Amino acid sequence: VWDLRKKVISYVLKGHQDTISGMKLSPDGSYLLSNGMDDTVRIWDVKPFSPGNRLLKIFE
């Protein structure tokens, strides 16, 4: 996840086993939904100061 103000990578979301084909941010900016060529959809917690494991749910 890129920090636009600082122009640095804030953190890396690891989980997909293949190419990510789409992403959507929740209206309040708290969650990121990603889908990939690994046939999974993942929900990530992208709020500032969230715990280290930001992966909340996997749908296969």
C-alpha atoms as a PDB file:
ATOM      1  CA  VAL A   1       0.000   0.000   0.000  1.00  0.00           C
ATOM      2  CA  TRP A   2       1.469   3.303  -1.139  1.00  0.00           C
ATOM      3  CA  ASP A   3       1.422   6.367   1.156  1.00  0.00           C
ATOM      4  CA  LEU A   4       0.649   9.291  -1.149  1.00  0.00           C
ATOM      5  CA  ARG A   5       1.792  11.946   1.324  1.00  0.00           C
ATOM      6  CA  LYS A   6       5.141  10.378   2.214  1.00  0.00           C
ATOM      7  CA  LYS A   7       5.650   8.781  -1.223  1.00  0.00           C
ATOM      8  CA  VAL A   8       6.738   5.461   0.311  1.00  0.00           C
ATOM      9  CA  ILE A   9       5.351   1.945   0.676  1.00  0.00           C
ATOM     10  CA  SER A  10       3.453   1.806   3.983  1.00  0.00           C
ATOM     11  CA  TYR A  11       3.001  -1.961   4.045  1.00  0.00           C
ATOM     12  CA  VAL A  12       2.745  -4.979   1.750  1.00  0.00           C
ATOM     13  CA  LEU A  13      -0.358  -7.164   1.600  1.00  0.00           C
ATOM     14  CA  LYS A  14       0.711 -10.775   1.027  1.00  0.00           C
ATOM     15  CA  GLY A  15      -1.655 -13.588   0.211  1.00  0.00           C
ATOM     16  CA  HIS A  16      -2.610 -14.030  -3.440  1.00  0.00           C
ATOM     17  CA  GLN A  17      -0.802 -16.898  -5.167  1.00  0.00           C
ATOM     18  CA  ASP A  18      -1.177 -15.411  -8.664  1.00  0.00           C
ATOM     19  CA  THR A  19      -1.770 -12.083 -10.422  1.00  0.00           C
ATOM     20  CA  ILE A  20      -4.209  -9.643  -8.794  1.00  0.00           C
ATOM     21  CA  SER A  21      -6.842  -8.751 -11.372  1.00  0.00           C
ATOM     22  CA  GLY A  22      -8.870  -6.156  -9.474  1.00  0.00           C
ATOM     23  CA  MET A  23      -9.109  -4.073  -6.322  1.00  0.00           C
ATOM     24  CA  LYS A  24     -11.803  -1.909  -4.747  1.00  0.00           C
ATOM     25  CA  LEU A  25     -11.538   0.347  -1.693  1.00  0.00           C
ATOM     26  CA  SER A  26     -14.533   0.621   0.646  1.00  0.00           C
ATOM     27  CA  PRO A  27     -16.296   4.015   0.676  1.00  0.00           C
ATOM     28  CA  ASP A  28     -14.821   4.877   4.093  1.00  0.00           C
ATOM     29  CA  GLY A  29     -11.305   3.763   3.074  1.00  0.00           C
ATOM     30  CA  SER A  30     -11.057   1.128   5.810  1.00  0.00           C
ATOM     31  CA  TYR A  31     -11.145  -2.041   3.719  1.00  0.00           C
ATOM     32  CA  LEU A  32      -9.688  -3.228   0.441  1.00  0.00           C
ATOM     33  CA  LEU A  33     -11.242  -6.011  -1.613  1.00  0.00           C
ATOM     34  CA  SER A  34      -8.911  -7.805  -4.028  1.00  0.00           C
ATOM     35  CA  ASN A  35      -9.536 -10.581  -6.515  1.00  0.00           C
ATOM     36  CA  GLY A  36      -6.915 -12.611  -8.279  1.00  0.00           C
ATOM     37  CA  MET A  37      -6.152 -15.199 -10.908  1.00  0.00           C
ATOM     38  CA  ASP A  38      -5.797 -17.684  -8.017  1.00  0.00           C
ATOM     39  CA  ASP A  39      -9.636 -17.764  -7.917  1.00  0.00           C
ATOM     40  CA  THR A  40      -9.844 -16.015  -4.551  1.00  0.00           C
ATOM     41  CA  VAL A  41     -11.329 -12.777  -3.275  1.00  0.00           C
ATOM     42  CA  ARG A  42      -9.707 -11.287  -0.189  1.00  0.00           C
ATOM     43  CA  ILE A  43     -10.788  -8.577   2.232  1.00  0.00           C
ATOM     44  CA  TRP A  44      -7.996  -6.543   3.826  1.00  0.00           C
ATOM     45  CA  ASP A  45      -8.033  -4.119   6.760  1.00  0.00           C
ATOM     46  CA  VAL A  46      -6.189  -1.031   5.505  1.00  0.00           C
ATOM     47  CA  LYS A  47      -6.988   1.323   8.391  1.00  0.00           C
ATOM     48  CA  PRO A  48      -3.953   3.098   9.876  1.00  0.00           C
ATOM     49  CA  PHE A  49      -2.452   1.391  12.944  1.00  0.00           C
ATOM     50  CA  SER A  50      -4.206  -1.931  12.261  1.00  0.00           C
ATOM     51  CA  PRO A  51      -2.544  -5.098  13.563  1.00  0.00           C
ATOM     52  CA  GLY A  52       0.179  -6.778  11.520  1.00  0.00           C
ATOM     53  CA  ASN A  53      -2.058  -9.370   9.844  1.00  0.00           C
ATOM     54  CA  ARG A  54      -4.386  -7.277   7.720  1.00  0.00           C
ATOM     55  CA  LEU A  55      -6.087 -10.167   5.910  1.00  0.00           C
ATOM     56  CA  LEU A  56      -9.608 -10.498   7.297  1.00  0.00           C
ATOM     57  CA  LYS A  57     -11.380 -12.989   5.018  1.00  0.00           C
ATOM     58  CA  ILE A  58     -10.743 -15.235   2.000  1.00  0.00           C
ATOM     59  CA  PHE A  59     -13.476 -16.359  -0.396  1.00  0.00           C
ATOM     60  CA  GLU A  60     -12.638 -19.241  -2.739  1.00  0.00           C
END
